[in-house]
Amino acid sequence: MKLSNNFRLSEFTRSDTAKRLGIENECSSVEQVLNLAYLCHMVLQPLRDRFGPIRINSGYRCPELNKAVGGVANSRHLRGEAADIYLPTIEKGREYLTFLKTLPAVDELIWEQKGDTYWIHVSAKRINE
């Protein structure tokens, strides 16, 4: 299922950890899919249009996967409102971050690192609660 011009739902449910642990990481509600589509249209597609292909490390996470990866209990990934974007270089990450800060739909940006791997956690809420 296409979420935007260049993003498919499978990119957001794919997980090496889920595969390794036998976890079925599929969206369980239409709302989660709508949230991912909003994130793609309002944040990730504009980023891709500006910089070319980007890689999503983590998108939607079912509760079991979220726990397995050490995600917080109220993670925005659980609702399909967040994605972690792989950064090929620190310089490219700075460019992504600068651009993402200009997008009005972005409500959370976190620069993260584990070892020599860097990523940006970005989220956007479709509906104000």
N, C-alpha and C. Protein backbone atom coordinates (compact mmCIF):
# COMPACT_ATOMS: atom_id res chain seq x y z
N MET A 1 0.84 -1.18 0.00
CA MET A 1 0.00 0.00 0.00
C MET A 1 0.89 1.25 0.00
N LYS A 2 0.59 2.15 -0.93
CA LYS A 2 1.34 3.40 -1.00
C LYS A 2 0.80 4.39 0.04
N LEU A 3 1.74 5.03 0.77
CA LEU A 3 1.38 6.07 1.73
C LEU A 3 1.57 7.46 1.15
N SER A 4 2.50 7.57 0.20
CA SER A 4 2.76 8.82 -0.52
C SER A 4 3.46 8.44 -1.82
N ASN A 5 3.90 9.42 -2.58
CA ASN A 5 4.54 9.12 -3.87
C ASN A 5 5.68 8.12 -3.77
N ASN A 6 6.49 8.23 -2.74
CA ASN A 6 7.69 7.40 -2.65
C ASN A 6 7.77 6.50 -1.43
N PHE A 7 6.70 6.40 -0.67
CA PHE A 7 6.75 5.56 0.54
C PHE A 7 5.61 4.55 0.54
N ARG A 8 5.97 3.34 0.97
CA ARG A 8 5.00 2.26 1.07
C ARG A 8 4.88 1.83 2.53
N LEU A 9 3.72 1.33 2.89
CA LEU A 9 3.48 0.88 4.26
C LEU A 9 4.51 -0.15 4.70
N SER A 10 4.92 -1.01 3.81
CA SER A 10 5.89 -2.06 4.16
C SER A 10 7.20 -1.50 4.69
N GLU A 11 7.59 -0.29 4.27
CA GLU A 11 8.82 0.33 4.79
C GLU A 11 8.70 0.66 6.28
N PHE A 12 7.47 0.85 6.73
CA PHE A 12 7.24 1.28 8.11
C PHE A 12 6.92 0.12 9.05
N THR A 13 6.67 -1.05 8.50
CA THR A 13 6.40 -2.21 9.34
C THR A 13 7.56 -3.22 9.28
N ARG A 14 8.48 -3.01 8.35
CA ARG A 14 9.65 -3.89 8.22
C ARG A 14 10.55 -3.71 9.43
N SER A 15 11.02 -4.82 9.98
CA SER A 15 11.92 -4.76 11.13
C SER A 15 12.76 -6.03 11.21
N ASP A 16 14.07 -5.88 11.19
CA ASP A 16 14.96 -7.03 11.36
C ASP A 16 14.76 -7.65 12.73
N THR A 17 14.55 -6.82 13.74
CA THR A 17 14.34 -7.34 15.11
C THR A 17 13.06 -8.16 15.16
N ALA A 18 11.99 -7.65 14.57
CA ALA A 18 10.72 -8.39 14.56
C ALA A 18 10.89 -9.72 13.83
N LYS A 19 11.57 -9.70 12.71
CA LYS A 19 11.80 -10.92 11.94
C LYS A 19 12.59 -11.93 12.77
N ARG A 20 13.66 -11.46 13.39
CA ARG A 20 14.52 -12.34 14.20
C ARG A 20 13.76 -12.95 15.37
N LEU A 21 12.86 -12.17 15.99
CA LEU A 21 12.12 -12.63 17.17
C LEU A 21 10.76 -13.25 16.83
N GLY A 22 10.41 -13.29 15.56
CA GLY A 22 9.14 -13.87 15.16
C GLY A 22 7.94 -13.01 15.55
N ILE A 23 8.12 -11.70 15.57
CA ILE A 23 7.05 -10.77 15.94
C ILE A 23 6.35 -10.30 14.67
N GLU A 24 5.03 -10.37 14.67
CA GLU A 24 4.22 -9.89 13.55
C GLU A 24 4.00 -8.39 13.75
N ASN A 25 4.77 -7.57 13.07
CA ASN A 25 4.71 -6.11 13.25
C ASN A 25 3.83 -5.49 12.18
N GLU A 26 2.53 -5.59 12.38
CA GLU A 26 1.56 -5.04 11.43
C GLU A 26 0.68 -4.03 12.14
N CYS A 27 0.27 -3.00 11.43
CA CYS A 27 -0.66 -2.02 11.99
C CYS A 27 -1.96 -2.73 12.36
N SER A 28 -2.51 -2.37 13.51
CA SER A 28 -3.73 -3.03 13.97
C SER A 28 -4.96 -2.14 13.83
N SER A 29 -4.79 -0.92 13.30
CA SER A 29 -5.94 -0.03 13.12
C SER A 29 -5.75 0.86 11.90
N VAL A 30 -6.87 1.29 11.37
CA VAL A 30 -6.85 2.23 10.24
C VAL A 30 -6.20 3.54 10.69
N GLU A 31 -6.43 3.93 11.93
CA GLU A 31 -5.85 5.17 12.45
C GLU A 31 -4.32 5.16 12.37
N GLN A 32 -3.70 4.05 12.68
CA GLN A 32 -2.24 3.96 12.59
C GLN A 32 -1.77 4.17 11.15
N VAL A 33 -2.47 3.59 10.20
CA VAL A 33 -2.12 3.76 8.78
C VAL A 33 -2.33 5.21 8.36
N LEU A 34 -3.42 5.82 8.79
CA LEU A 34 -3.67 7.23 8.47
C LEU A 34 -2.59 8.12 9.08
N ASN A 35 -2.16 7.80 10.28
CA ASN A 35 -1.09 8.58 10.91
C ASN A 35 0.21 8.46 10.11
N LEU A 36 0.52 7.25 9.66
CA LEU A 36 1.73 7.06 8.85
C LEU A 36 1.62 7.82 7.52
N ALA A 37 0.45 7.79 6.91
CA ALA A 37 0.26 8.51 5.65
C ALA A 37 0.46 10.01 5.87
N TYR A 38 -0.06 10.53 6.97
CA TYR A 38 0.12 11.95 7.29
C TYR A 38 1.61 12.26 7.48
N LEU A 39 2.30 11.43 8.24
CA LEU A 39 3.73 11.61 8.46
C LEU A 39 4.48 11.62 7.13
N CYS A 40 4.10 10.72 6.24
CA CYS A 40 4.76 10.67 4.93
C CYS A 40 4.47 11.93 4.11
N HIS A 41 3.20 12.29 3.99
CA HIS A 41 2.83 13.44 3.17
C HIS A 41 3.38 14.75 3.69
N MET A 42 3.35 14.93 4.99
CA MET A 42 3.69 16.23 5.58
C MET A 42 5.16 16.37 5.96
N VAL A 43 5.87 15.25 6.13
CA VAL A 43 7.25 15.33 6.62
C VAL A 43 8.23 14.56 5.74
N LEU A 44 8.01 13.27 5.58
CA LEU A 44 9.01 12.44 4.91
C LEU A 44 9.06 12.66 3.40
N GLN A 45 7.91 12.83 2.75
CA GLN A 45 7.92 13.09 1.31
C GLN A 45 8.60 14.42 0.99
N PRO A 46 8.30 15.50 1.73
CA PRO A 46 9.05 16.74 1.47
C PRO A 46 10.56 16.58 1.68
N LEU A 47 10.95 15.80 2.69
CA LEU A 47 12.38 15.55 2.91
C LEU A 47 12.97 14.79 1.73
N ARG A 48 12.27 13.79 1.26
CA ARG A 48 12.75 13.02 0.12
C ARG A 48 12.79 13.86 -1.15
N ASP A 49 11.76 14.69 -1.35
CA ASP A 49 11.74 15.56 -2.52
C ASP A 49 12.94 16.49 -2.54
N ARG A 50 13.38 16.91 -1.38
CA ARG A 50 14.50 17.85 -1.26
C ARG A 50 15.85 17.16 -1.39
N PHE A 51 15.99 15.96 -0.79
CA PHE A 51 17.31 15.33 -0.69
C PHE A 51 17.46 14.02 -1.45
N GLY A 52 16.41 13.53 -2.06
CA GLY A 52 16.48 12.23 -2.71
C GLY A 52 16.13 11.12 -1.73
N PRO A 53 16.35 9.87 -2.13
CA PRO A 53 15.95 8.74 -1.29
C PRO A 53 16.49 8.83 0.14
N ILE A 54 15.62 8.47 1.08
CA ILE A 54 16.01 8.39 2.49
C ILE A 54 15.63 7.00 2.99
N ARG A 55 16.30 6.57 4.04
CA ARG A 55 16.03 5.23 4.59
C ARG A 55 15.40 5.35 5.97
N ILE A 56 14.30 4.65 6.14
CA ILE A 56 13.61 4.61 7.42
C ILE A 56 14.15 3.42 8.21
N ASN A 57 14.72 3.69 9.39
CA ASN A 57 15.20 2.61 10.25
C ASN A 57 14.07 1.96 11.02
N SER A 58 13.14 2.78 11.46
CA SER A 58 12.05 2.29 12.29
C SER A 58 10.84 3.19 12.05
N GLY A 59 9.70 2.58 11.82
CA GLY A 59 8.46 3.34 11.65
C GLY A 59 7.46 2.87 12.68
N TYR A 60 6.41 2.20 12.22
CA TYR A 60 5.41 1.66 13.14
C TYR A 60 6.04 0.53 13.96
N ARG A 61 5.68 0.48 15.24
CA ARG A 61 6.08 -0.63 16.10
C ARG A 61 4.86 -1.13 16.87
N CYS A 62 4.59 -2.42 16.77
CA CYS A 62 3.56 -3.00 17.62
C CYS A 62 4.10 -3.02 19.05
N PRO A 63 3.23 -3.17 20.05
CA PRO A 63 3.70 -3.14 21.44
C PRO A 63 4.82 -4.14 21.74
N GLU A 64 4.71 -5.35 21.20
CA GLU A 64 5.72 -6.37 21.46
C GLU A 64 7.09 -5.96 20.89
N LEU A 65 7.09 -5.42 19.68
CA LEU A 65 8.35 -4.97 19.08
C LEU A 65 8.90 -3.76 19.82
N ASN A 66 8.03 -2.83 20.17
CA ASN A 66 8.48 -1.65 20.90
C ASN A 66 9.20 -2.05 22.19
N LYS A 67 8.63 -3.03 22.90
CA LYS A 67 9.25 -3.51 24.14
C LYS A 67 10.60 -4.18 23.83
N ALA A 68 10.63 -4.98 22.76
CA ALA A 68 11.85 -5.71 22.40
C ALA A 68 13.01 -4.78 22.06
N VAL A 69 12.70 -3.61 21.48
CA VAL A 69 13.78 -2.68 21.09
C VAL A 69 14.07 -1.65 22.19
N GLY A 70 13.37 -1.77 23.32
CA GLY A 70 13.61 -0.84 24.43
C GLY A 70 12.92 0.50 24.26
N GLY A 71 11.85 0.55 23.46
CA GLY A 71 11.11 1.80 23.27
C GLY A 71 10.32 2.15 24.53
N VAL A 72 10.09 3.43 24.71
CA VAL A 72 9.32 3.89 25.87
C VAL A 72 7.85 3.47 25.71
N ALA A 73 7.16 3.34 26.82
CA ALA A 73 5.79 2.82 26.83
C ALA A 73 4.82 3.70 26.03
N ASN A 74 5.09 4.99 25.94
CA ASN A 74 4.21 5.90 25.20
C ASN A 74 4.83 6.35 23.88
N SER A 75 5.66 5.50 23.29
CA SER A 75 6.34 5.83 22.04
C SER A 75 5.36 6.21 20.94
N ARG A 76 5.69 7.24 20.22
CA ARG A 76 4.87 7.69 19.09
C ARG A 76 4.91 6.65 17.95
N HIS A 77 5.91 5.78 17.94
CA HIS A 77 5.98 4.70 16.95
C HIS A 77 4.76 3.78 17.08
N LEU A 78 4.26 3.60 18.29
CA LEU A 78 3.11 2.72 18.53
C LEU A 78 1.86 3.21 17.81
N ARG A 79 1.76 4.51 17.61
CA ARG A 79 0.58 5.10 16.97
C ARG A 79 0.82 5.40 15.49
N GLY A 80 2.00 5.11 14.99
CA GLY A 80 2.31 5.41 13.59
C GLY A 80 2.59 6.88 13.35
N GLU A 81 2.97 7.59 14.39
CA GLU A 81 3.23 9.03 14.28
C GLU A 81 4.71 9.38 14.19
N ALA A 82 5.59 8.37 14.19
CA ALA A 82 7.02 8.65 14.22
C ALA A 82 7.80 7.72 13.30
N ALA A 83 8.95 8.23 12.90
CA ALA A 83 9.89 7.43 12.10
C ALA A 83 11.31 7.82 12.51
N ASP A 84 12.19 6.85 12.43
CA ASP A 84 13.61 7.10 12.64
C ASP A 84 14.29 7.06 11.28
N ILE A 85 14.96 8.15 10.93
CA ILE A 85 15.58 8.30 9.62
C ILE A 85 17.08 8.05 9.74
N TYR A 86 17.57 7.09 8.98
CA TYR A 86 18.99 6.77 8.95
C TYR A 86 19.77 7.96 8.39
N LEU A 87 20.91 8.24 9.01
CA LEU A 87 21.78 9.33 8.54
C LEU A 87 23.06 8.74 7.97
N PRO A 88 23.28 8.90 6.67
CA PRO A 88 24.49 8.35 6.06
C PRO A 88 25.76 9.03 6.56
N THR A 89 25.66 10.32 6.89
CA THR A 89 26.79 11.07 7.44
C THR A 89 26.23 12.09 8.44
N ILE A 90 27.09 12.55 9.32
CA ILE A 90 26.68 13.59 10.26
C ILE A 90 26.31 14.86 9.50
N GLU A 91 27.09 15.18 8.47
CA GLU A 91 26.80 16.38 7.67
C GLU A 91 25.41 16.30 7.03
N LYS A 92 25.09 15.15 6.45
CA LYS A 92 23.77 14.97 5.83
C LYS A 92 22.69 15.06 6.91
N GLY A 93 22.96 14.52 8.07
CA GLY A 93 22.01 14.61 9.17
C GLY A 93 21.73 16.05 9.58
N ARG A 94 22.76 16.86 9.59
CA ARG A 94 22.57 18.28 9.91
C ARG A 94 21.70 18.97 8.86
N GLU A 95 21.90 18.60 7.60
CA GLU A 95 21.08 19.17 6.52
C GLU A 95 19.62 18.73 6.68
N TYR A 96 19.41 17.44 6.97
CA TYR A 96 18.05 16.94 7.20
C TYR A 96 17.40 17.69 8.36
N LEU A 97 18.13 17.81 9.46
CA LEU A 97 17.59 18.45 10.66
C LEU A 97 17.20 19.89 10.39
N THR A 98 18.07 20.63 9.70
CA THR A 98 17.78 22.02 9.37
C THR A 98 16.50 22.11 8.53
N PHE A 99 16.36 21.24 7.55
CA PHE A 99 15.17 21.25 6.71
C PHE A 99 13.93 20.84 7.50
N LEU A 100 14.02 19.78 8.29
CA LEU A 100 12.86 19.30 9.05
C LEU A 100 12.33 20.36 10.00
N LYS A 101 13.22 21.19 10.53
CA LYS A 101 12.79 22.26 11.44
C LYS A 101 11.89 23.28 10.76
N THR A 102 11.91 23.33 9.42
CA THR A 102 11.09 24.30 8.69
C THR A 102 9.68 23.78 8.41
N LEU A 103 9.44 22.50 8.65
CA LEU A 103 8.14 21.91 8.31
C LEU A 103 7.17 22.08 9.48
N PRO A 104 6.05 22.75 9.26
CA PRO A 104 5.12 23.03 10.36
C PRO A 104 4.50 21.79 11.00
N ALA A 105 4.40 20.69 10.28
CA ALA A 105 3.78 19.48 10.85
C ALA A 105 4.69 18.77 11.86
N VAL A 106 5.99 19.02 11.81
CA VAL A 106 6.93 18.35 12.71
C VAL A 106 6.72 18.87 14.12
N ASP A 107 6.49 17.93 15.05
CA ASP A 107 6.33 18.36 16.44
C ASP A 107 7.36 17.74 17.37
N GLU A 108 8.22 16.90 16.82
CA GLU A 108 9.29 16.32 17.65
C GLU A 108 10.45 15.94 16.75
N LEU A 109 11.64 16.39 17.13
CA LEU A 109 12.88 16.04 16.43
C LEU A 109 13.92 15.67 17.47
N ILE A 110 14.49 14.48 17.34
CA ILE A 110 15.51 14.04 18.29
C ILE A 110 16.67 13.45 17.50
N TRP A 111 17.86 13.97 17.73
CA TRP A 111 19.09 13.43 17.13
C TRP A 111 19.53 12.29 18.02
N GLU A 112 19.68 11.10 17.46
CA GLU A 112 20.03 9.93 18.27
C GLU A 112 21.25 9.23 17.69
N GLN A 113 21.93 8.48 18.58
CA GLN A 113 23.15 7.79 18.18
C GLN A 113 23.31 6.52 19.01
N LYS A 114 23.77 5.47 18.34
CA LYS A 114 24.17 4.24 19.01
C LYS A 114 25.45 3.78 18.33
N GLY A 115 26.56 3.85 19.05
CA GLY A 115 27.85 3.54 18.44
C GLY A 115 28.16 4.53 17.34
N ASP A 116 28.45 4.01 16.16
CA ASP A 116 28.75 4.86 15.00
C ASP A 116 27.54 5.08 14.10
N THR A 117 26.36 4.71 14.57
CA THR A 117 25.15 4.87 13.78
C THR A 117 24.34 6.05 14.32
N TYR A 118 23.92 6.91 13.42
CA TYR A 118 23.15 8.10 13.78
C TYR A 118 21.80 8.07 13.08
N TRP A 119 20.79 8.62 13.73
CA TRP A 119 19.48 8.75 13.10
C TRP A 119 18.74 9.92 13.73
N ILE A 120 17.71 10.36 13.02
CA ILE A 120 16.83 11.41 13.53
C ILE A 120 15.46 10.79 13.76
N HIS A 121 14.96 10.95 14.96
CA HIS A 121 13.58 10.57 15.29
C HIS A 121 12.72 11.79 14.97
N VAL A 122 11.72 11.60 14.13
CA VAL A 122 10.83 12.70 13.77
C VAL A 122 9.39 12.23 13.95
N SER A 123 8.55 13.14 14.43
CA SER A 123 7.15 12.77 14.57
C SER A 123 6.25 13.93 14.18
N ALA A 124 5.02 13.56 13.84
CA ALA A 124 3.99 14.53 13.47
C ALA A 124 2.65 13.95 13.88
N LYS A 125 1.85 14.74 14.54
CA LYS A 125 0.54 14.29 15.01
C LYS A 125 -0.53 14.78 14.05
N ARG A 126 -1.31 13.84 13.52
CA ARG A 126 -2.36 14.15 12.57
C ARG A 126 -3.55 14.85 13.22
N ILE A 127 -3.86 14.45 14.42
CA ILE A 127 -5.03 14.99 15.13
C ILE A 127 -4.55 15.57 16.46
N ASN A 128 -4.96 16.79 16.75
CA ASN A 128 -4.63 17.38 18.05
C ASN A 128 -5.48 16.74 19.13
N GLU A 129 -4.82 16.31 20.19
CA GLU A 129 -5.55 15.68 21.30
C GLU A 129 -5.79 16.69 22.40
